[in-house]
Amino acid sequence: MNADTPTIPTPLIQKAPSPPISHCKGLTHGHSRIQLCAMHADNKPPKNDGKPQTAPEQKDAPEATPEATPEAVQDTQAMDPWEELEAEAARWKEISLRTAAEIDNLRKRTAREREDAIRYANQRLLEELLPVIDNFEMGMQAASQDTSSMIYIGMDMVRRQLQEFLTSQGVEEIPTTGLFDPNLHDAVAQEDCSAGEEGRILKVTRRGYKLRDRLLRPASVVVSKLPAPVEGGTV
């Protein structure tokens, strides 16, 4: 080589220091993996779930207890224990009196309903019996053409027995004389009547009955009415 030719320095390559042989010999493959995982976990940053991290909550300071005012102390001192007991006793006495009155009213109402149930227990039976009596009365009218026949005499005996039975049960026939009463009578027709007043009962088409103070069936009647005036003012 000539002296004038420049020399290119050769780069020095440094080798990484290898771990001591004495340390590597004492580690197994499993131990190496555990140590590497532990080192990786130590160096891993903490996970963030996307939720903002908040500072730890601080416990609220205990609220200050309000001081008793002089007015409240005065009201407390003004309440007498004996007065409170008397007021409580009066309240319970009123409740007991009211409850006793309600029980008494209930007992009276129950007794009245039981009495009505006994008095009117046969009401439905008597209502069903009335059409039979009507048909029997029609047979009596047909048999009355010969009052000396045995048929009429036997039917008349049955009629009297029926009348006694109805009377014993508290059934009464509704009177059909005088003026028309809408509470007891049922007007089925009207007829002109020149004499008398309007609303007078002229004829009975079906008898009516009542059971004590209850209406079993109204009486069907024909009622009178005044004739309509003719032109010119004359009737």
C-alpha atoms as a PDB file:
ATOM      1  CA  MET A   1       0.000   0.000   0.000  1.00  0.00           C
ATOM      2  CA  ASN A   2       1.163   3.463  -0.772  1.00  0.00           C
ATOM      3  CA  ALA A   3       1.697   5.948   1.941  1.00  0.00           C
ATOM      4  CA  ASP A   4      -0.524   8.459   0.191  1.00  0.00           C
ATOM      5  CA  THR A   5      -3.560   6.187   0.066  1.00  0.00           C
ATOM      6  CA  PRO A   6      -5.902   6.960   2.969  1.00  0.00           C
ATOM      7  CA  THR A   7      -6.809   4.108   5.231  1.00  0.00           C
ATOM      8  CA  ILE A   8     -10.546   3.422   6.001  1.00  0.00           C
ATOM      9  CA  PRO A   9     -11.060   2.643   9.625  1.00  0.00           C
ATOM     10  CA  THR A  10     -12.839  -0.652  10.215  1.00  0.00           C
ATOM     11  CA  PRO A  11     -16.006  -0.259  12.399  1.00  0.00           C
ATOM     12  CA  LEU A  12     -15.931  -2.027  15.614  1.00  0.00           C
ATOM     13  CA  ILE A  13     -18.930  -4.394  16.213  1.00  0.00           C
ATOM     14  CA  GLN A  14     -19.735  -4.737  19.882  1.00  0.00           C
ATOM     15  CA  LYS A  15     -21.459  -7.887  21.024  1.00  0.00           C
ATOM     16  CA  ALA A  16     -24.191  -7.811  23.604  1.00  0.00           C
ATOM     17  CA  PRO A  17     -23.048  -9.147  26.896  1.00  0.00           C
ATOM     18  CA  SER A  18     -24.368 -12.595  27.452  1.00  0.00           C
ATOM     19  CA  PRO A  19     -25.862 -13.495  30.820  1.00  0.00           C
ATOM     20  CA  PRO A  20     -23.664 -15.285  33.196  1.00  0.00           C
ATOM     21  CA  ILE A  21     -23.573 -18.973  32.585  1.00  0.00           C
ATOM     22  CA  SER A  22     -23.982 -19.673  36.246  1.00  0.00           C
ATOM     23  CA  HIS A  23     -27.465 -17.928  36.288  1.00  0.00           C
ATOM     24  CA  CYS A  24     -28.777 -19.607  33.136  1.00  0.00           C
ATOM     25  CA  LYS A  25     -27.929 -23.038  34.293  1.00  0.00           C
ATOM     26  CA  GLY A  26     -30.230 -22.800  37.325  1.00  0.00           C
ATOM     27  CA  LEU A  27     -33.387 -21.783  35.326  1.00  0.00           C
ATOM     28  CA  THR A  28     -35.731 -24.214  33.660  1.00  0.00           C
ATOM     29  CA  HIS A  29     -37.909 -23.448  30.673  1.00  0.00           C
ATOM     30  CA  GLY A  30     -41.077 -23.075  32.823  1.00  0.00           C
ATOM     31  CA  HIS A  31     -39.431 -20.735  35.263  1.00  0.00           C
ATOM     32  CA  SER A  32     -38.242 -18.546  32.418  1.00  0.00           C
ATOM     33  CA  ARG A  33     -41.761 -18.240  31.022  1.00  0.00           C
ATOM     34  CA  ILE A  34     -43.208 -17.284  34.446  1.00  0.00           C
ATOM     35  CA  GLN A  35     -40.554 -14.618  34.957  1.00  0.00           C
ATOM     36  CA  LEU A  36     -41.137 -13.177  31.485  1.00  0.00           C
ATOM     37  CA  CYS A  37     -44.919 -12.988  32.063  1.00  0.00           C
ATOM     38  CA  ALA A  38     -44.384 -11.284  35.395  1.00  0.00           C
ATOM     39  CA  MET A  39     -42.050  -8.721  33.821  1.00  0.00           C
ATOM     40  CA  HIS A  40     -44.519  -8.117  31.003  1.00  0.00           C
ATOM     41  CA  ALA A  41     -47.382  -7.606  33.510  1.00  0.00           C
ATOM     42  CA  ASP A  42     -45.327  -5.150  35.514  1.00  0.00           C
ATOM     43  CA  ASN A  43     -44.523  -3.078  32.448  1.00  0.00           C
ATOM     44  CA  LYS A  44     -48.138  -3.189  31.003  1.00  0.00           C
ATOM     45  CA  PRO A  45     -50.100   0.076  31.471  1.00  0.00           C
ATOM     46  CA  PRO A  46     -53.357  -0.101  33.422  1.00  0.00           C
ATOM     47  CA  LYS A  47     -56.513  -0.865  31.387  1.00  0.00           C
ATOM     48  CA  ASN A  48     -59.013   1.907  30.671  1.00  0.00           C
ATOM     49  CA  ASP A  49     -62.619   0.857  29.925  1.00  0.00           C
ATOM     50  CA  GLY A  50     -63.489   4.185  28.397  1.00  0.00           C
ATOM     51  CA  LYS A  51     -65.036   5.459  31.584  1.00  0.00           C
ATOM     52  CA  PRO A  52     -63.677   8.649  33.025  1.00  0.00           C
ATOM     53  CA  GLN A  53     -61.673   8.064  36.081  1.00  0.00           C
ATOM     54  CA  THR A  54     -63.031   9.857  39.044  1.00  0.00           C
ATOM     55  CA  ALA A  55     -61.396  10.763  42.204  1.00  0.00           C
ATOM     56  CA  PRO A  56     -62.360   8.702  45.244  1.00  0.00           C
ATOM     57  CA  GLU A  57     -65.508   9.938  46.883  1.00  0.00           C
ATOM     58  CA  GLN A  58     -65.168  11.835  50.042  1.00  0.00           C
ATOM     59  CA  LYS A  59     -67.494  11.155  52.913  1.00  0.00           C
ATOM     60  CA  ASP A  60     -69.939  13.906  53.622  1.00  0.00           C
ATOM     61  CA  ALA A  61     -69.396  15.746  56.754  1.00  0.00           C
ATOM     62  CA  PRO A  62     -72.097  15.148  59.359  1.00  0.00           C
ATOM     63  CA  GLU A  63     -74.876  17.677  59.162  1.00  0.00           C
ATOM     64  CA  ALA A  64     -75.126  20.064  61.942  1.00  0.00           C
ATOM     65  CA  THR A  65     -78.023  19.365  64.278  1.00  0.00           C
ATOM     66  CA  PRO A  66     -80.347  22.360  64.479  1.00  0.00           C
ATOM     67  CA  GLU A  67     -80.457  23.823  67.848  1.00  0.00           C
ATOM     68  CA  ALA A  68     -83.765  23.783  69.672  1.00  0.00           C
ATOM     69  CA  THR A  69     -85.474  27.131  69.542  1.00  0.00           C
ATOM     70  CA  PRO A  70     -86.990  28.649  72.654  1.00  0.00           C
ATOM     71  CA  GLU A  71     -90.502  28.376  71.098  1.00  0.00           C
ATOM     72  CA  ALA A  72     -90.127  24.600  70.557  1.00  0.00           C
ATOM     73  CA  VAL A  73     -88.881  24.160  74.109  1.00  0.00           C
ATOM     74  CA  GLN A  74     -91.871  26.152  75.336  1.00  0.00           C
ATOM     75  CA  ASP A  75     -94.372  24.002  73.372  1.00  0.00           C
ATOM     76  CA  THR A  76     -92.809  20.812  74.693  1.00  0.00           C
ATOM     77  CA  GLN A  77     -93.006  22.042  78.214  1.00  0.00           C
ATOM     78  CA  ALA A  78     -96.652  23.176  77.720  1.00  0.00           C
ATOM     79  CA  MET A  79     -97.893  19.609  76.828  1.00  0.00           C
ATOM     80  CA  ASP A  80     -99.021  17.924  80.022  1.00  0.00           C
ATOM     81  CA  PRO A  81     -98.827  14.095  80.029  1.00  0.00           C
ATOM     82  CA  TRP A  82    -102.144  13.862  81.870  1.00  0.00           C
ATOM     83  CA  GLU A  83    -103.842  16.031  79.262  1.00  0.00           C
ATOM     84  CA  GLU A  84    -102.475  13.781  76.522  1.00  0.00           C
ATOM     85  CA  LEU A  85    -103.862  10.699  78.307  1.00  0.00           C
ATOM     86  CA  GLU A  86    -107.277  12.333  78.756  1.00  0.00           C
ATOM     87  CA  ALA A  87    -107.422  13.298  75.080  1.00  0.00           C
ATOM     88  CA  GLU A  88    -106.462   9.772  74.047  1.00  0.00           C
ATOM     89  CA  ALA A  89    -109.091   8.272  76.349  1.00  0.00           C
ATOM     90  CA  ALA A  90    -111.778  10.610  74.970  1.00  0.00           C
ATOM     91  CA  ARG A  91    -110.861   9.653  71.414  1.00  0.00           C
ATOM     92  CA  TRP A  92    -111.103   5.926  72.134  1.00  0.00           C
ATOM     93  CA  LYS A  93    -114.395   6.464  73.980  1.00  0.00           C
ATOM     94  CA  GLU A  94    -115.863   8.186  70.926  1.00  0.00           C
ATOM     95  CA  ILE A  95    -114.677   5.354  68.679  1.00  0.00           C
ATOM     96  CA  SER A  96    -116.217   2.733  70.974  1.00  0.00           C
ATOM     97  CA  LEU A  97    -119.559   4.573  71.107  1.00  0.00           C
ATOM     98  CA  ARG A  98    -119.676   4.905  67.349  1.00  0.00           C
ATOM     99  CA  THR A  99    -118.836   1.225  66.898  1.00  0.00           C
ATOM    100  CA  ALA A 100    -121.513   0.187  69.396  1.00  0.00           C
ATOM    101  CA  ALA A 101    -124.114   2.283  67.525  1.00  0.00           C
ATOM    102  CA  GLU A 102    -123.150   0.690  64.204  1.00  0.00           C
ATOM    103  CA  ILE A 103    -123.411  -2.802  65.688  1.00  0.00           C
ATOM    104  CA  ASP A 104    -126.837  -1.984  67.133  1.00  0.00           C
ATOM    105  CA  ASN A 105    -128.080  -0.696  63.768  1.00  0.00           C
ATOM    106  CA  LEU A 106    -126.750  -3.804  62.059  1.00  0.00           C
ATOM    107  CA  ARG A 107    -128.509  -6.051  64.577  1.00  0.00           C
ATOM    108  CA  LYS A 108    -131.819  -4.228  64.086  1.00  0.00           C
ATOM    109  CA  ARG A 109    -131.527  -4.323  60.306  1.00  0.00           C
ATOM    110  CA  THR A 110    -130.706  -8.030  60.348  1.00  0.00           C
ATOM    111  CA  ALA A 111    -133.692  -8.770  62.596  1.00  0.00           C
ATOM    112  CA  ARG A 112    -135.987  -6.757  60.321  1.00  0.00           C
ATOM    113  CA  GLU A 113    -134.735  -8.542  57.214  1.00  0.00           C
ATOM    114  CA  ARG A 114    -135.194 -11.927  58.894  1.00  0.00           C
ATOM    115  CA  GLU A 115    -138.735 -11.015  59.910  1.00  0.00           C
ATOM    116  CA  ASP A 116    -139.569  -9.855  56.375  1.00  0.00           C
ATOM    117  CA  ALA A 117    -138.131 -13.056  54.949  1.00  0.00           C
ATOM    118  CA  ILE A 118    -140.421 -15.078  57.222  1.00  0.00           C
ATOM    119  CA  ARG A 119    -143.507 -12.949  56.544  1.00  0.00           C
ATOM    120  CA  TYR A 120    -143.071 -12.942  52.774  1.00  0.00           C
ATOM    121  CA  ALA A 121    -141.574 -16.390  52.349  1.00  0.00           C
ATOM    122  CA  ASN A 122    -144.642 -17.609  50.389  1.00  0.00           C
ATOM    123  CA  GLN A 123    -144.852 -14.574  48.127  1.00  0.00           C
ATOM    124  CA  ARG A 124    -143.564 -16.394  45.047  1.00  0.00           C
ATOM    125  CA  LEU A 125    -145.897 -19.355  45.656  1.00  0.00           C
ATOM    126  CA  LEU A 126    -148.921 -17.076  46.022  1.00  0.00           C
ATOM    127  CA  GLU A 127    -148.018 -15.183  42.848  1.00  0.00           C
ATOM    128  CA  GLU A 128    -147.949 -18.473  40.950  1.00  0.00           C
ATOM    129  CA  LEU A 129    -151.283 -19.471  42.509  1.00  0.00           C
ATOM    130  CA  LEU A 130    -153.195 -16.362  41.394  1.00  0.00           C
ATOM    131  CA  PRO A 131    -153.654 -17.455  37.727  1.00  0.00           C
ATOM    132  CA  VAL A 132    -155.088 -20.770  38.988  1.00  0.00           C
ATOM    133  CA  ILE A 133    -157.600 -18.854  41.105  1.00  0.00           C
ATOM    134  CA  ASP A 134    -158.541 -16.738  38.068  1.00  0.00           C
ATOM    135  CA  ASN A 135    -159.311 -19.830  36.000  1.00  0.00           C
ATOM    136  CA  PHE A 136    -161.273 -21.307  38.891  1.00  0.00           C
ATOM    137  CA  GLU A 137    -163.389 -18.135  39.112  1.00  0.00           C
ATOM    138  CA  MET A 138    -164.153 -18.398  35.396  1.00  0.00           C
ATOM    139  CA  GLY A 139    -165.322 -21.990  35.964  1.00  0.00           C
ATOM    140  CA  MET A 140    -167.502 -20.781  38.831  1.00  0.00           C
ATOM    141  CA  GLN A 141    -169.185 -18.251  36.547  1.00  0.00           C
ATOM    142  CA  ALA A 142    -169.940 -20.957  33.998  1.00  0.00           C
ATOM    143  CA  ALA A 143    -171.314 -23.304  36.684  1.00  0.00           C
ATOM    144  CA  SER A 144    -173.439 -20.549  38.283  1.00  0.00           C
ATOM    145  CA  GLN A 145    -176.128 -21.056  35.626  1.00  0.00           C
ATOM    146  CA  ASP A 146    -177.347 -23.988  37.689  1.00  0.00           C
ATOM    147  CA  THR A 147    -176.679 -23.257  41.346  1.00  0.00           C
ATOM    148  CA  SER A 148    -178.485 -26.425  42.459  1.00  0.00           C
ATOM    149  CA  SER A 149    -176.124 -28.756  40.603  1.00  0.00           C
ATOM    150  CA  MET A 150    -173.570 -30.805  42.530  1.00  0.00           C
ATOM    151  CA  ILE A 151    -170.777 -29.403  40.354  1.00  0.00           C
ATOM    152  CA  TYR A 152    -171.505 -25.850  41.423  1.00  0.00           C
ATOM    153  CA  ILE A 153    -171.882 -26.849  45.070  1.00  0.00           C
ATOM    154  CA  GLY A 154    -168.548 -28.685  45.060  1.00  0.00           C
ATOM    155  CA  MET A 155    -166.765 -25.843  43.296  1.00  0.00           C
ATOM    156  CA  ASP A 156    -168.224 -23.371  45.758  1.00  0.00           C
ATOM    157  CA  MET A 157    -166.806 -25.405  48.653  1.00  0.00           C
ATOM    158  CA  VAL A 158    -163.370 -25.352  47.022  1.00  0.00           C
ATOM    159  CA  ARG A 159    -163.666 -21.591  46.489  1.00  0.00           C
ATOM    160  CA  ARG A 160    -164.359 -21.031  50.186  1.00  0.00           C
ATOM    161  CA  GLN A 161    -161.376 -23.173  51.154  1.00  0.00           C
ATOM    162  CA  LEU A 162    -159.145 -21.186  48.809  1.00  0.00           C
ATOM    163  CA  GLN A 163    -160.416 -17.947  50.289  1.00  0.00           C
ATOM    164  CA  GLU A 164    -159.691 -19.145  53.825  1.00  0.00           C
ATOM    165  CA  PHE A 165    -156.195 -20.234  52.796  1.00  0.00           C
ATOM    166  CA  LEU A 166    -155.428 -16.849  51.232  1.00  0.00           C
ATOM    167  CA  THR A 167    -156.711 -15.039  54.311  1.00  0.00           C
ATOM    168  CA  SER A 168    -154.540 -17.164  56.621  1.00  0.00           C
ATOM    169  CA  GLN A 169    -151.490 -16.266  54.529  1.00  0.00           C
ATOM    170  CA  GLY A 170    -152.224 -12.530  54.788  1.00  0.00           C
ATOM    171  CA  VAL A 171    -153.536 -12.133  51.232  1.00  0.00           C
ATOM    172  CA  GLU A 172    -156.280  -9.546  50.705  1.00  0.00           C
ATOM    173  CA  GLU A 173    -158.251  -8.623  47.612  1.00  0.00           C
ATOM    174  CA  ILE A 174    -157.749  -5.070  46.390  1.00  0.00           C
ATOM    175  CA  PRO A 175    -160.988  -3.033  46.514  1.00  0.00           C
ATOM    176  CA  THR A 176    -162.207  -1.900  43.100  1.00  0.00           C
ATOM    177  CA  THR A 177    -164.846   0.647  44.064  1.00  0.00           C
ATOM    178  CA  GLY A 178    -164.494   4.378  43.795  1.00  0.00           C
ATOM    179  CA  LEU A 179    -161.743   6.242  42.002  1.00  0.00           C
ATOM    180  CA  PHE A 180    -158.785   4.833  40.140  1.00  0.00           C
ATOM    181  CA  ASP A 181    -155.580   4.475  42.223  1.00  0.00           C
ATOM    182  CA  PRO A 182    -152.417   4.018  40.116  1.00  0.00           C
ATOM    183  CA  ASN A 183    -150.685   2.321  43.076  1.00  0.00           C
ATOM    184  CA  LEU A 184    -153.290  -0.461  43.230  1.00  0.00           C
ATOM    185  CA  HIS A 185    -155.074  -0.508  39.873  1.00  0.00           C
ATOM    186  CA  ASP A 186    -154.043  -1.076  36.277  1.00  0.00           C
ATOM    187  CA  ALA A 187    -156.235   0.724  33.715  1.00  0.00           C
ATOM    188  CA  VAL A 188    -156.638  -1.471  30.651  1.00  0.00           C
ATOM    189  CA  ALA A 189    -159.271   0.661  28.909  1.00  0.00           C
ATOM    190  CA  GLN A 190    -161.326   3.854  29.153  1.00  0.00           C
ATOM    191  CA  GLU A 191    -165.001   4.345  28.427  1.00  0.00           C
ATOM    192  CA  ASP A 192    -166.973   7.521  27.921  1.00  0.00           C
ATOM    193  CA  CYS A 193    -169.293   8.328  30.767  1.00  0.00           C
ATOM    194  CA  SER A 194    -171.611  11.309  30.675  1.00  0.00           C
ATOM    195  CA  ALA A 195    -172.546  11.048  34.343  1.00  0.00           C
ATOM    196  CA  GLY A 196    -170.087  11.166  37.206  1.00  0.00           C
ATOM    197  CA  GLU A 197    -166.485  12.220  37.352  1.00  0.00           C
ATOM    198  CA  GLU A 198    -163.531  11.160  35.283  1.00  0.00           C
ATOM    199  CA  GLY A 199    -161.269   8.362  36.582  1.00  0.00           C
ATOM    200  CA  ARG A 200    -164.003   6.306  38.210  1.00  0.00           C
ATOM    201  CA  ILE A 201    -163.726   2.515  38.056  1.00  0.00           C
ATOM    202  CA  LEU A 202    -166.470   1.085  35.855  1.00  0.00           C
ATOM    203  CA  LYS A 203    -165.581  -2.577  35.517  1.00  0.00           C
ATOM    204  CA  VAL A 204    -163.045  -5.125  36.789  1.00  0.00           C
ATOM    205  CA  THR A 205    -161.395  -7.426  34.239  1.00  0.00           C
ATOM    206  CA  ARG A 206    -159.038  -9.159  36.668  1.00  0.00           C
ATOM    207  CA  ARG A 207    -158.884  -9.139  40.434  1.00  0.00           C
ATOM    208  CA  GLY A 208    -155.909  -7.780  42.288  1.00  0.00           C
ATOM    209  CA  TYR A 209    -154.312  -8.966  45.533  1.00  0.00           C
ATOM    210  CA  LYS A 210    -151.798  -7.750  48.071  1.00  0.00           C
ATOM    211  CA  LEU A 211    -149.794  -9.646  50.681  1.00  0.00           C
ATOM    212  CA  ARG A 212    -150.006  -7.645  53.874  1.00  0.00           C
ATOM    213  CA  ASP A 213    -148.430  -4.329  52.836  1.00  0.00           C
ATOM    214  CA  ARG A 214    -146.887  -5.617  49.571  1.00  0.00           C
ATOM    215  CA  LEU A 215    -148.634  -5.628  46.222  1.00  0.00           C
ATOM    216  CA  LEU A 216    -148.891  -9.073  44.685  1.00  0.00           C
ATOM    217  CA  ARG A 217    -150.769  -8.059  41.564  1.00  0.00           C
ATOM    218  CA  PRO A 218    -152.648  -4.866  40.637  1.00  0.00           C
ATOM    219  CA  ALA A 219    -156.312  -5.074  39.711  1.00  0.00           C
ATOM    220  CA  SER A 220    -157.069  -4.624  36.009  1.00  0.00           C
ATOM    221  CA  VAL A 221    -159.963  -2.195  35.611  1.00  0.00           C
ATOM    222  CA  VAL A 222    -161.818  -0.092  33.056  1.00  0.00           C
ATOM    223  CA  VAL A 223    -161.837   3.635  33.908  1.00  0.00           C
ATOM    224  CA  SER A 224    -164.356   6.276  32.949  1.00  0.00           C
ATOM    225  CA  LYS A 225    -163.555   9.404  31.003  1.00  0.00           C
ATOM    226  CA  LEU A 226    -165.525  12.426  29.951  1.00  0.00           C
ATOM    227  CA  PRO A 227    -166.638  12.439  26.330  1.00  0.00           C
ATOM    228  CA  ALA A 228    -164.870  14.786  23.961  1.00  0.00           C
ATOM    229  CA  PRO A 229    -166.820  17.994  23.254  1.00  0.00           C
ATOM    230  CA  VAL A 230    -168.490  18.277  19.851  1.00  0.00           C
ATOM    231  CA  GLU A 231    -168.065  21.320  17.611  1.00  0.00           C
ATOM    232  CA  GLY A 232    -170.385  24.121  18.677  1.00  0.00           C
ATOM    233  CA  GLY A 233    -169.929  23.497  22.414  1.00  0.00           C
ATOM    234  CA  THR A 234    -172.590  20.796  22.744  1.00  0.00           C
ATOM    235  CA  VAL A 235    -171.907  17.294  23.946  1.00  0.00           C
END
